[in-house]
Amino acid sequence: MRDFGEYLRAYWAHVSTNLGWGKALMVAIVWLAGMFAPLGAKTLVPLPNWVAITWMIGWALLGYIFAPYGMWKAQRKK
């Protein structure tokens, strides 16, 4: 559990010094909006379930692809 606390402190320091909380919050909101976009679209137009599920899986995979890139980029700056 100490490792997790250390990770959170390092993350807090990284965001505070490099990104700023406004930008970090905006990225999180955009990611969540993209993740749940099919649910909002289903209220406006009828979509098959497979479209919504495929979108959510694809969006989550993009998050897993780009998260390590962001960490690598931050490490490279140091």
Protein backbone atom coordinates (compact mmCIF):
# COMPACT_ATOMS: atom_id res chain seq x y z
CA MET A 1 0.00 0.00 0.00
CA ARG A 2 2.99 2.31 0.53
CA ASP A 3 3.85 2.00 -3.15
CA PHE A 4 0.40 3.23 -4.10
CA GLY A 5 0.73 6.22 -1.78
CA GLU A 6 4.14 6.98 -3.28
CA TYR A 7 2.68 6.70 -6.76
CA LEU A 8 -0.13 9.14 -5.88
CA ARG A 9 2.37 11.64 -4.43
CA ALA A 10 4.52 11.39 -7.57
CA TYR A 11 1.46 11.78 -9.79
CA TRP A 12 0.31 14.82 -7.79
CA ALA A 13 3.77 16.40 -8.15
CA HIS A 14 3.94 15.64 -11.87
CA VAL A 15 0.53 17.09 -12.64
CA SER A 16 1.14 20.14 -10.48
CA THR A 17 4.48 20.97 -12.11
CA ASN A 18 3.92 19.94 -15.73
CA LEU A 19 0.27 19.96 -16.70
CA GLY A 20 -1.73 21.94 -14.24
CA TRP A 21 -4.94 20.65 -12.73
CA GLY A 22 -7.16 22.38 -15.29
CA LYS A 23 -5.60 20.50 -18.20
CA ALA A 24 -5.58 17.19 -16.32
CA LEU A 25 -9.25 17.61 -15.42
CA MET A 26 -10.12 18.48 -19.02
CA VAL A 27 -8.39 15.33 -20.32
CA ALA A 28 -10.27 13.20 -17.79
CA ILE A 29 -13.60 14.76 -18.75
CA VAL A 30 -12.97 14.27 -22.47
CA TRP A 31 -11.99 10.64 -21.87
CA LEU A 32 -15.14 9.98 -19.83
CA ALA A 33 -17.34 11.76 -22.37
CA GLY A 34 -15.87 9.64 -25.15
CA MET A 35 -16.33 6.48 -23.15
CA PHE A 36 -20.02 7.11 -22.58
CA ALA A 37 -20.80 8.82 -25.90
CA PRO A 38 -22.72 5.77 -27.19
CA LEU A 39 -25.13 5.95 -24.26
CA GLY A 40 -25.89 9.58 -25.09
CA ALA A 41 -26.22 8.75 -28.78
CA LYS A 42 -28.64 5.92 -28.00
CA THR A 43 -31.01 8.43 -26.44
CA LEU A 44 -31.14 10.37 -29.72
CA VAL A 45 -30.99 7.62 -32.36
CA PRO A 46 -31.49 3.88 -32.11
CA LEU A 47 -28.12 2.12 -32.13
CA PRO A 48 -27.54 -1.61 -31.97
CA ASN A 49 -25.89 -2.77 -28.77
CA TRP A 50 -22.86 -4.10 -30.64
CA VAL A 51 -22.04 -0.58 -31.89
CA ALA A 52 -22.06 0.84 -28.37
CA ILE A 53 -20.03 -2.05 -26.96
CA THR A 54 -17.49 -1.89 -29.80
CA TRP A 55 -17.09 1.88 -29.32
CA MET A 56 -16.54 1.53 -25.57
CA ILE A 57 -13.99 -1.25 -25.98
CA GLY A 58 -12.16 0.68 -28.71
CA TRP A 59 -12.11 3.87 -26.62
CA ALA A 60 -10.75 1.99 -23.61
CA LEU A 61 -8.05 0.37 -25.75
CA LEU A 62 -7.00 3.78 -27.05
CA GLY A 63 -6.64 4.89 -23.44
CA TYR A 64 -4.37 1.93 -22.72
CA ILE A 65 -2.32 2.70 -25.83
CA PHE A 66 -1.85 6.42 -25.15
CA ALA A 67 -1.34 6.25 -21.36
CA PRO A 68 2.10 4.60 -21.62
CA TYR A 69 3.03 7.13 -24.33
CA GLY A 70 2.26 9.97 -21.95
CA MET A 71 4.33 8.35 -19.21
CA TRP A 72 7.21 7.74 -21.63
CA LYS A 73 7.07 11.34 -22.83
CA ALA A 74 7.17 12.63 -19.26
CA GLN A 75 10.14 10.38 -18.41
CA ARG A 76 11.96 11.49 -21.55
CA LYS A 77 11.70 15.16 -20.49
CA LYS A 78 13.66 14.42 -17.30
